[in-house]
Amino acid sequence: IESKEGIAKAREIVAEPAVAQVFVGYGTLGGVFRGDPAGREAAAATILAACKEYKKPCGFPTNTPAEMEQRMGEGWTVHI
């Protein structure tokens, strides 16, 4: 999910039975929320909340072991 439209429909997307796992397009969201890092994080949190609600694996692109640990602590379960 990497657009404002996708974020607005995150629960619908994640709830689909055919969706096995979800990835946040965090890099792309940097452009969508240019100059608004809090908005970018809130968008990611919205996606993660939907994944938790529907018990679906949720992916986040991590770049370092420390970032992976941070995101795992938040509940992200797939790291690319």
Protein backbone atom coordinates (compact mmCIF):
# COMPACT_ATOMS: atom_id res chain seq x y z
CA ILE A 1 0.00 0.00 0.00
CA GLU A 2 1.64 3.22 -1.12
CA SER A 3 -0.98 5.88 -1.79
CA LYS A 4 -3.43 8.00 0.19
CA GLU A 5 -6.25 6.09 -1.49
CA GLY A 6 -4.72 2.79 -0.41
CA ILE A 7 -4.26 4.00 3.14
CA ALA A 8 -7.90 5.12 3.26
CA LYS A 9 -8.93 1.62 2.16
CA ALA A 10 -6.31 -0.31 4.14
CA ARG A 11 -8.89 -2.20 6.21
CA GLU A 12 -10.82 -3.19 3.07
CA ILE A 13 -7.65 -4.31 1.31
CA VAL A 14 -6.32 -6.32 4.23
CA ALA A 15 -9.73 -7.88 4.93
CA GLU A 16 -9.85 -9.49 1.48
CA PRO A 17 -9.53 -13.27 1.94
CA ALA A 18 -7.23 -13.54 -1.09
CA VAL A 19 -4.69 -11.13 0.46
CA ALA A 20 -2.06 -13.26 2.19
CA GLN A 21 0.30 -10.48 3.30
CA VAL A 22 0.62 -6.74 2.97
CA PHE A 23 3.61 -4.47 2.42
CA VAL A 24 3.79 -0.77 3.15
CA GLY A 25 5.39 1.23 0.34
CA TYR A 26 7.30 3.29 2.86
CA GLY A 27 9.74 4.74 0.35
CA THR A 28 6.92 5.83 -1.93
CA LEU A 29 5.03 7.26 1.03
CA GLY A 30 8.01 9.55 1.57
CA GLY A 31 6.98 11.31 -1.64
CA VAL A 32 3.27 11.15 -0.88
CA PHE A 33 3.88 12.78 2.51
CA ARG A 34 6.77 15.01 1.41
CA GLY A 35 7.75 17.24 4.30
CA ASP A 36 5.42 15.42 6.69
CA PRO A 37 7.30 12.58 8.40
CA ALA A 38 4.59 12.30 11.08
CA GLY A 39 1.98 11.79 8.34
CA ARG A 40 4.15 9.09 6.76
CA GLU A 41 4.46 7.27 10.09
CA ALA A 42 0.73 7.62 10.75
CA ALA A 43 0.00 6.12 7.34
CA ALA A 44 2.27 3.17 8.09
CA ALA A 45 0.61 2.76 11.50
CA THR A 46 -2.83 2.66 9.83
CA ILE A 47 -1.67 -0.17 7.57
CA LEU A 48 -0.09 -2.05 10.45
CA ALA A 49 -3.26 -1.71 12.54
CA ALA A 50 -5.30 -3.25 9.73
CA CYS A 51 -2.83 -6.14 9.48
CA LYS A 52 -3.04 -6.75 13.21
CA GLU A 53 -6.83 -6.58 13.17
CA TYR A 54 -7.09 -9.19 10.42
CA LYS A 55 -4.06 -11.19 11.60
CA LYS A 56 -2.17 -10.84 8.32
CA PRO A 57 1.63 -10.62 7.97
CA CYS A 58 2.67 -7.03 7.36
CA GLY A 59 5.92 -6.03 5.66
CA PHE A 60 8.18 -3.04 6.17
CA PRO A 61 11.40 -2.29 4.26
CA THR A 62 14.16 -2.16 6.86
CA ASN A 63 17.76 -1.22 6.15
CA THR A 64 19.64 -1.95 9.36
CA PRO A 65 19.41 -4.48 12.19
CA ALA A 66 18.45 -1.69 14.59
CA GLU A 67 15.62 -0.56 12.32
CA MET A 68 14.45 -4.16 11.97
CA GLU A 69 14.33 -4.56 15.74
CA GLN A 70 12.43 -1.28 16.10
CA ARG A 71 9.86 -2.25 13.48
CA MET A 72 9.53 -5.79 14.88
CA GLY A 73 8.75 -4.21 18.24
CA GLU A 74 5.97 -2.24 16.58
CA GLY A 75 4.51 -5.45 15.17
CA TRP A 76 5.82 -5.59 11.58
CA THR A 77 6.41 -9.24 10.76
CA VAL A 78 7.99 -9.28 7.28
CA HIS A 79 11.17 -7.35 6.46
CA ILE A 80 12.58 -6.75 3.01
